[in-house]
């Protein structure tokens, strides 16, 4: 497909990245899934080749590239496997907070390492008792001289085990009314006293992506690590969620495209009753239905990406894309597994992994139910 936002240089970049991943990721991905971790050495290789933080300004170690390069990176990583989602989170969700709201000192201190792969980032919003309702978080950061004292727990944190720098959503004013006005964002470094990791969580899917609990017990963080203005954290998160949800929609779309591709190849080669099962009308109709939905999703998504690159406010449509593409990908996963028959239930077939990996996309970055609430509100309902 001739994407609306891609030029020749983006296509050359995709070709180079795909060759890199075929050499450095594809042969090892099964091992990473078994080991439940993407090795830091791969992060370093990504950084060395310029595939981390491409949008960061050149003076901080990035390429100063447009967001279409990030789209290409996210698509190619998803084609390898959904467990690489932590790299997209680093590139396009966490680092942009520092770019947008960080001081010059913070940018110089952290962005070069993020671009090299020396610093792996995470964002800690979700808590055991607060997910979609971010205003209800309980983690506190109380000012004490030139420091903040953090106390609380976070869970389901992508890159949680390996992260060297964690962007923590916390209450700097627990008594604020309304509650969201008391939320701030504070950057916590790996070796900060009082900061520890809990369990590496055992998930249904995304096995190679490290997800963890984070614990803050009288964790003393320099006040200089406050990102932006105190009390503005909730607003910052709302401003950045458009891109985060677009990243999730891109991954779901690519996953659906990959599942359809592998299933078409399978039904052409698998025989039953003396002929390939691709010759059965039922199989053809199911493939056609999925292919049509996938084409519709791609057309909608490409337009949104082009609009986002032009800095348009597309929160409503991105919310639509996030819920629709992730639900579509779940339908495709279930149908493709069914067309694989018993082999679809075997770990040696990639559809089994895709079937496990895709459901969480309808949950994180705001559940699909929350997407519908946002859409309804923006429609004036």
Protein backbone atom coordinates (compact mmCIF):
# COMPACT_ATOMS: atom_id res chain seq x y z
CA UNK A 1 0.00 0.00 0.00
CA UNK A 2 1.19 3.52 -0.82
CA UNK A 3 0.86 5.12 2.62
CA UNK A 4 -0.20 8.77 2.62
CA UNK A 5 2.67 9.95 4.78
CA UNK A 6 5.64 8.01 3.37
CA UNK A 7 8.27 9.30 0.96
CA UNK A 8 11.12 7.48 -0.76
CA UNK A 9 13.46 8.09 2.18
CA UNK A 10 10.99 6.40 4.53
CA UNK A 11 10.79 3.39 2.23
CA UNK A 12 14.57 3.10 2.10
CA UNK A 13 14.63 3.36 5.90
CA UNK A 14 12.06 0.54 6.14
CA UNK A 15 14.13 -1.67 3.87
CA UNK A 16 17.27 -1.14 5.97
CA UNK A 17 15.39 -1.68 9.24
CA UNK A 18 13.76 -4.86 7.96
CA UNK A 19 17.16 -6.29 6.98
CA UNK A 20 18.52 -5.36 10.40
CA UNK A 21 15.62 -7.07 12.19
CA UNK A 22 15.86 -10.17 10.00
CA UNK A 23 19.45 -10.52 11.16
CA UNK A 24 19.32 -9.29 14.75
CA UNK A 25 15.78 -10.09 15.97
CA UNK A 26 13.93 -12.73 13.93
CA UNK A 27 16.40 -15.60 14.56
CA UNK A 28 16.38 -14.95 18.32
CA UNK A 29 12.78 -14.01 18.99
CA UNK A 30 11.67 -17.50 20.05
CA UNK A 31 14.55 -17.59 22.54
CA UNK A 32 13.57 -14.17 23.90
CA UNK A 33 10.01 -15.41 24.38
CA UNK A 34 11.29 -18.40 26.35
CA UNK A 35 13.64 -16.24 28.42
CA UNK A 36 10.85 -13.71 29.06
CA UNK A 37 13.13 -10.77 28.17
CA UNK A 38 14.44 -8.71 25.27
CA UNK A 39 18.20 -8.51 25.96
CA UNK A 40 19.78 -5.12 26.58
CA UNK A 41 22.28 -5.97 23.85
CA UNK A 42 19.46 -5.71 21.31
CA UNK A 43 18.46 -2.31 22.65
CA UNK A 44 22.07 -1.21 22.22
CA UNK A 45 22.16 -2.46 18.63
CA UNK A 46 18.94 -0.57 17.90
CA UNK A 47 20.55 2.56 19.29
CA UNK A 48 23.78 2.10 17.39
CA UNK A 49 21.86 1.84 14.11
CA UNK A 50 19.74 4.93 14.85
CA UNK A 51 16.47 3.09 15.42
CA UNK A 52 15.80 4.54 18.88
CA UNK A 53 14.28 7.98 19.49
CA UNK A 54 14.45 9.09 15.86
CA UNK A 55 12.34 12.16 16.64
CA UNK A 56 14.75 13.50 19.28
CA UNK A 57 16.71 16.57 18.22
CA UNK A 58 20.19 15.90 16.82
CA UNK A 59 21.88 17.87 19.62
CA UNK A 60 20.55 15.26 22.08
CA UNK A 61 21.64 12.28 19.99
CA UNK A 62 18.54 11.71 17.87
CA UNK A 63 17.93 12.26 14.16
CA UNK A 64 15.33 15.03 14.42
CA UNK A 65 13.21 12.95 12.05
CA UNK A 66 9.48 13.25 11.39
CA UNK A 67 7.05 10.85 13.03
CA UNK A 68 6.62 8.76 9.87
CA UNK A 69 9.97 7.16 10.77
CA UNK A 70 8.50 6.14 14.12
CA UNK A 71 5.51 4.60 12.34
CA UNK A 72 7.85 2.52 10.18
CA UNK A 73 9.79 1.36 13.25
CA UNK A 74 6.62 0.38 15.12
CA UNK A 75 5.26 -1.52 12.13
CA UNK A 76 8.46 -3.47 11.51
CA UNK A 77 8.89 -4.33 15.21
CA UNK A 78 5.30 -5.62 15.34
CA UNK A 79 5.93 -7.80 12.29
CA UNK A 80 8.67 -9.54 14.26
CA UNK A 81 6.48 -9.95 17.33
CA UNK A 82 4.26 -8.08 19.76
CA UNK A 83 6.75 -8.64 22.58
CA UNK A 84 8.86 -5.79 21.17
CA UNK A 85 6.18 -3.31 22.27
CA UNK A 86 8.47 -1.95 24.99
CA UNK A 87 10.72 -0.36 22.38
CA UNK A 88 7.80 1.56 20.89
CA UNK A 89 6.80 2.65 24.39
CA UNK A 90 10.32 3.97 24.97
CA UNK A 91 10.52 5.75 21.60
CA UNK A 92 7.05 7.17 21.20
CA UNK A 93 5.41 7.31 24.61
CA UNK A 94 7.95 7.99 27.37
CA UNK A 95 10.74 9.93 25.64
CA UNK A 96 8.28 12.45 24.10
CA UNK A 97 7.33 13.55 27.63
CA UNK A 98 10.94 14.57 28.25
CA UNK A 99 11.12 16.25 24.84
CA UNK A 100 7.96 18.26 25.43
CA UNK A 101 8.09 19.11 29.13
CA UNK A 102 11.69 18.58 30.24
CA UNK A 103 14.13 21.32 31.14
CA UNK A 104 17.29 21.80 29.10
CA UNK A 105 19.26 20.15 31.89
CA UNK A 106 16.91 17.12 31.91
CA UNK A 107 17.13 16.75 28.14
CA UNK A 108 20.92 16.87 28.14
CA UNK A 109 21.05 14.47 31.06
CA UNK A 110 18.78 11.72 29.74
CA UNK A 111 17.95 11.98 26.03
CA UNK A 112 21.38 11.00 24.62
CA UNK A 113 21.35 7.81 26.69
CA UNK A 114 17.79 7.06 25.57
CA UNK A 115 18.83 7.39 21.93
CA UNK A 116 21.92 5.17 22.39
CA UNK A 117 20.04 2.43 24.23
CA UNK A 118 22.01 3.01 27.43
CA UNK A 119 18.84 4.21 29.19
CA UNK A 120 15.65 2.17 28.93
CA UNK A 121 12.53 4.05 30.01
CA UNK A 122 9.14 3.16 31.46
CA UNK A 123 6.04 5.07 32.49
CA UNK A 124 4.31 4.20 35.75
CA UNK A 125 0.65 5.21 35.80
CA UNK A 126 -1.35 2.09 36.74
CA UNK A 127 -1.65 1.01 40.37
CA UNK A 128 -3.19 -2.08 41.98
CA UNK A 129 -6.32 -0.01 42.69
CA UNK A 130 -6.26 2.52 39.84
CA UNK A 131 -6.16 1.88 36.12
CA UNK A 132 -8.36 3.84 33.76
CA UNK A 133 -9.31 6.24 36.59
CA UNK A 134 -5.95 8.00 36.80
CA UNK A 135 -7.26 10.70 39.11
CA UNK A 136 -7.59 8.01 41.80
CA UNK A 137 -3.92 7.08 42.02
CA UNK A 138 -2.60 6.77 45.58
CA UNK A 139 1.17 7.10 45.07
CA UNK A 140 2.31 10.29 46.79
CA UNK A 141 5.34 12.54 46.36
CA UNK A 142 5.64 14.97 49.26
CA UNK A 143 8.10 17.84 49.01
CA UNK A 144 10.88 17.77 51.61
CA UNK A 145 13.42 20.53 51.06
CA UNK A 146 15.12 19.95 47.72
CA UNK A 147 13.61 16.47 47.34
CA UNK A 148 10.32 14.61 46.98
CA UNK A 149 9.55 11.56 49.11
CA UNK A 150 7.67 8.96 47.05
CA UNK A 151 5.49 6.26 48.55
CA UNK A 152 3.26 3.86 46.68
CA UNK A 153 3.02 0.94 44.27
CA UNK A 154 2.65 0.63 40.52
CA UNK A 155 1.74 -2.44 38.49
CA UNK A 156 1.58 -3.71 34.88
CA UNK A 157 4.58 -1.52 34.04
CA UNK A 158 6.02 -2.18 30.58
CA UNK A 159 9.86 -2.36 30.67
CA UNK A 160 9.49 -2.46 34.45
CA UNK A 161 12.37 -4.87 35.09
CA UNK A 162 14.95 -3.31 32.78
CA UNK A 163 14.00 0.35 33.08
CA UNK A 164 16.77 2.76 34.07
CA UNK A 165 14.46 5.77 34.15
CA UNK A 166 10.80 5.62 35.20
CA UNK A 167 8.31 8.43 34.68
CA UNK A 168 6.04 8.17 37.73
CA UNK A 169 2.56 9.64 37.99
CA UNK A 170 2.02 10.64 41.61
CA UNK A 171 0.09 12.97 43.91
CA UNK A 172 2.15 15.94 44.98
CA UNK A 173 -1.01 17.41 46.51
CA UNK A 174 -3.17 14.54 47.85
CA UNK A 175 -5.82 17.03 49.05
CA UNK A 176 -6.33 18.79 45.71
CA UNK A 177 -9.90 19.36 44.52
CA UNK A 178 -10.56 18.16 41.91
CA UNK A 179 -8.14 15.28 42.54
CA UNK A 180 -6.47 15.35 39.12
CA UNK A 181 -5.05 18.83 39.82
CA UNK A 182 -2.77 17.27 42.46
CA UNK A 183 -1.03 14.92 40.01
CA UNK A 184 2.57 15.50 38.94
CA UNK A 185 5.16 13.55 36.95
CA UNK A 186 8.53 12.72 38.50
CA UNK A 187 11.46 10.88 36.89
CA UNK A 188 12.98 8.18 39.09
CA UNK A 189 16.36 6.67 38.24
CA UNK A 190 17.30 3.03 38.64
CA UNK A 191 19.46 3.16 41.77
CA UNK A 192 17.40 5.67 43.76
CA UNK A 193 17.19 4.51 47.42
CA UNK A 194 13.68 3.34 48.27
CA UNK A 195 12.86 2.31 44.69
CA UNK A 196 12.59 -1.44 44.09
CA UNK A 197 11.02 -3.88 41.67
CA UNK A 198 8.39 -6.35 42.68
CA UNK A 199 7.51 -9.40 40.62
CA UNK A 200 8.19 -9.78 36.94
CA UNK A 201 4.59 -10.50 36.04
CA UNK A 202 3.66 -13.77 34.33
CA UNK A 203 1.36 -12.82 31.47
CA UNK A 204 -0.80 -14.81 29.06
CA UNK A 205 1.09 -13.31 26.13
CA UNK A 206 3.81 -10.76 25.31
CA UNK A 207 6.21 -13.16 27.01
CA UNK A 208 9.45 -11.48 25.90
CA UNK A 209 8.28 -8.07 27.11
CA UNK A 210 9.18 -7.50 30.77
CA UNK A 211 6.22 -6.27 32.81
CA UNK A 212 6.66 -5.59 36.51
CA UNK A 213 5.44 -4.21 39.78
CA UNK A 214 7.31 -1.15 41.06
CA UNK A 215 7.54 -0.19 44.72
CA UNK A 216 8.42 3.18 46.27
CA UNK A 217 9.12 3.22 50.00
CA UNK A 218 10.28 6.60 51.32
CA UNK A 219 12.01 6.99 47.97
CA UNK A 220 13.89 10.29 47.99
CA UNK A 221 14.03 11.88 44.53
CA UNK A 222 15.69 15.24 43.75
CA UNK A 223 13.17 18.02 43.14
CA UNK A 224 15.07 18.64 39.91
CA UNK A 225 13.55 15.40 38.61
CA UNK A 226 10.05 16.93 38.53
CA UNK A 227 8.89 16.99 34.91
CA UNK A 228 7.26 20.26 33.95
CA UNK A 229 5.11 22.06 36.49
CA UNK A 230 3.88 20.60 39.75
CA UNK A 231 0.18 19.74 39.50
CA UNK A 232 0.19 19.58 35.68
CA UNK A 233 0.84 15.84 35.35
CA UNK A 234 -2.72 14.89 34.50
CA UNK A 235 -2.87 17.46 31.70
CA UNK A 236 0.45 16.27 30.32
CA UNK A 237 -0.81 12.67 30.24
CA UNK A 238 -4.00 13.67 28.46
CA UNK A 239 -1.97 15.59 25.86
CA UNK A 240 0.24 12.57 25.14
CA UNK A 241 -2.44 9.87 25.07
CA UNK A 242 -3.40 10.63 21.45
CA UNK A 243 -0.01 9.39 20.23
CA UNK A 244 0.08 6.49 22.69
CA UNK A 245 -3.28 5.19 21.49
CA UNK A 246 -2.30 5.67 17.87
CA UNK A 247 0.79 3.51 18.50
CA UNK A 248 -1.47 0.77 19.91
CA UNK A 249 -3.77 0.98 16.89
CA UNK A 250 -0.79 0.70 14.52
CA UNK A 251 0.42 -2.45 16.29
CA UNK A 252 -3.05 -4.03 16.20
CA UNK A 253 -3.42 -3.25 12.49
CA UNK A 254 -0.05 -4.79 11.63
CA UNK A 255 -0.78 -7.84 13.78
CA UNK A 256 -4.03 -8.37 11.87
CA UNK A 257 -2.22 -8.02 8.53
CA UNK A 258 0.41 -10.54 9.61
CA UNK A 259 -2.17 -13.04 10.88
CA UNK A 260 -4.10 -12.88 7.61
CA UNK A 261 -0.92 -13.33 5.59
CA UNK A 262 0.17 -16.43 7.53
CA UNK A 263 -3.34 -17.89 7.35
CA UNK A 264 -3.64 -17.45 3.59
CA UNK A 265 -0.31 -19.26 3.21
CA UNK A 266 -1.53 -22.04 5.50
CA UNK A 267 -4.91 -22.67 3.85
CA UNK A 268 -3.24 -22.85 0.44
CA UNK A 269 -0.87 -25.57 1.63
CA UNK A 270 -3.17 -27.57 3.94
CA UNK A 271 -5.25 -30.24 2.18
CA UNK A 272 -8.48 -31.89 3.25
CA UNK A 273 -10.84 -34.09 1.25
CA UNK A 274 -8.38 -34.12 -1.62
CA UNK A 275 -7.89 -30.40 -2.12
CA UNK A 276 -6.37 -27.33 -0.43
CA UNK A 277 -8.78 -25.96 2.17
CA UNK A 278 -8.44 -22.58 0.42
CA UNK A 279 -10.74 -24.04 -2.24
CA UNK A 280 -13.65 -24.42 0.18
CA UNK A 281 -16.16 -21.62 -0.14
CA UNK A 282 -16.45 -21.25 3.64
CA UNK A 283 -12.69 -20.69 3.91
CA UNK A 284 -12.75 -18.20 1.05
CA UNK A 285 -15.61 -16.22 2.57
CA UNK A 286 -13.87 -16.02 5.96
CA UNK A 287 -10.63 -14.86 4.34
CA UNK A 288 -12.51 -12.29 2.26
CA UNK A 289 -14.33 -10.92 5.30
CA UNK A 290 -11.09 -10.52 7.25
CA UNK A 291 -9.23 -9.01 4.29
CA UNK A 292 -11.98 -6.42 3.85
CA UNK A 293 -11.97 -5.39 7.50
CA UNK A 294 -8.19 -5.15 7.46
CA UNK A 295 -8.22 -2.93 4.36
CA UNK A 296 -10.82 -0.66 5.99
CA UNK A 297 -8.70 -0.45 9.14
CA UNK A 298 -5.57 0.41 7.17
CA UNK A 299 -7.27 3.18 5.18
CA UNK A 300 -8.68 4.78 8.34
CA UNK A 301 -5.42 4.42 10.25
CA UNK A 302 -3.25 5.84 7.48
CA UNK A 303 -5.41 8.95 7.31
CA UNK A 304 -5.13 9.41 11.08
CA UNK A 305 -1.36 9.00 10.99
CA UNK A 306 -1.12 11.65 8.28
CA UNK A 307 -3.35 13.98 10.34
CA UNK A 308 -1.30 13.34 13.49
CA UNK A 309 1.95 14.14 11.68
CA UNK A 310 0.31 17.45 10.70
CA UNK A 311 -0.32 18.06 14.43
CA UNK A 312 -4.10 17.97 14.12
CA UNK A 313 -6.33 17.29 17.13
CA UNK A 314 -7.78 13.87 16.32
CA UNK A 315 -8.48 12.55 19.81
CA UNK A 316 -11.98 11.36 18.93
CA UNK A 317 -10.94 9.51 15.79
CA UNK A 318 -7.85 8.03 17.45
CA UNK A 319 -10.11 6.71 20.22
CA UNK A 320 -12.29 5.18 17.50
CA UNK A 321 -9.26 3.64 15.80
CA UNK A 322 -7.85 2.28 19.05
CA UNK A 323 -10.99 0.39 20.01
CA UNK A 324 -11.99 -0.69 16.51
CA UNK A 325 -8.60 -1.95 15.30
CA UNK A 326 -7.87 -3.85 18.51
CA UNK A 327 -11.29 -5.52 18.48
CA UNK A 328 -10.86 -6.26 14.77
CA UNK A 329 -7.45 -7.83 15.46
CA UNK A 330 -8.99 -10.01 18.18
CA UNK A 331 -11.63 -11.23 15.72
CA UNK A 332 -8.97 -11.93 13.11
CA UNK A 333 -6.85 -13.84 15.64
CA UNK A 334 -9.74 -16.09 16.62
CA UNK A 335 -10.79 -16.77 13.03
CA UNK A 336 -7.25 -17.38 11.80
CA UNK A 337 -6.61 -19.84 14.62
CA UNK A 338 -9.83 -21.65 13.70
CA UNK A 339 -8.75 -21.92 10.05
CA UNK A 340 -5.46 -23.46 11.19
CA UNK A 341 -7.47 -26.21 12.87
CA UNK A 342 -5.65 -28.23 15.51
CA UNK A 343 -2.31 -26.89 14.33
CA UNK A 344 -3.38 -23.41 15.34
CA UNK A 345 -3.32 -24.60 18.94
CA UNK A 346 0.30 -25.72 18.66
CA UNK A 347 3.11 -23.45 19.84
CA UNK A 348 5.14 -24.20 16.71
CA UNK A 349 2.66 -22.16 14.67
CA UNK A 350 2.96 -18.39 14.99
CA UNK A 351 -0.81 -17.89 15.04
CA UNK A 352 -0.89 -19.38 18.55
CA UNK A 353 1.43 -16.65 19.83
CA UNK A 354 -0.50 -13.91 18.01
CA UNK A 355 -3.74 -15.24 19.51
CA UNK A 356 -2.26 -14.82 23.01
CA UNK A 357 -0.58 -11.51 22.38
CA UNK A 358 -3.36 -9.43 20.83
CA UNK A 359 -6.08 -9.28 23.57
CA UNK A 360 -4.16 -6.92 25.86
CA UNK A 361 -4.19 -4.23 23.17
CA UNK A 362 -7.88 -3.73 23.94
CA UNK A 363 -6.98 -3.09 27.59
CA UNK A 364 -3.83 -0.99 27.86
CA UNK A 365 -3.46 2.69 26.91
CA UNK A 366 -7.03 3.07 28.15
CA UNK A 367 -9.48 0.19 27.85
CA UNK A 368 -11.81 0.09 24.86
CA UNK A 369 -14.70 0.90 27.17
CA UNK A 370 -12.92 4.14 28.11
CA UNK A 371 -12.38 4.86 24.41
CA UNK A 372 -16.16 4.70 23.92
CA UNK A 373 -16.73 7.02 26.88
CA UNK A 374 -14.34 9.56 25.32
CA UNK A 375 -16.01 9.27 21.92
CA UNK A 376 -19.49 9.66 23.42
CA UNK A 377 -18.42 12.74 25.38
CA UNK A 378 -16.83 14.31 22.30
CA UNK A 379 -19.98 13.62 20.28
CA UNK A 380 -21.90 15.69 22.81
CA UNK A 381 -23.82 12.76 24.28
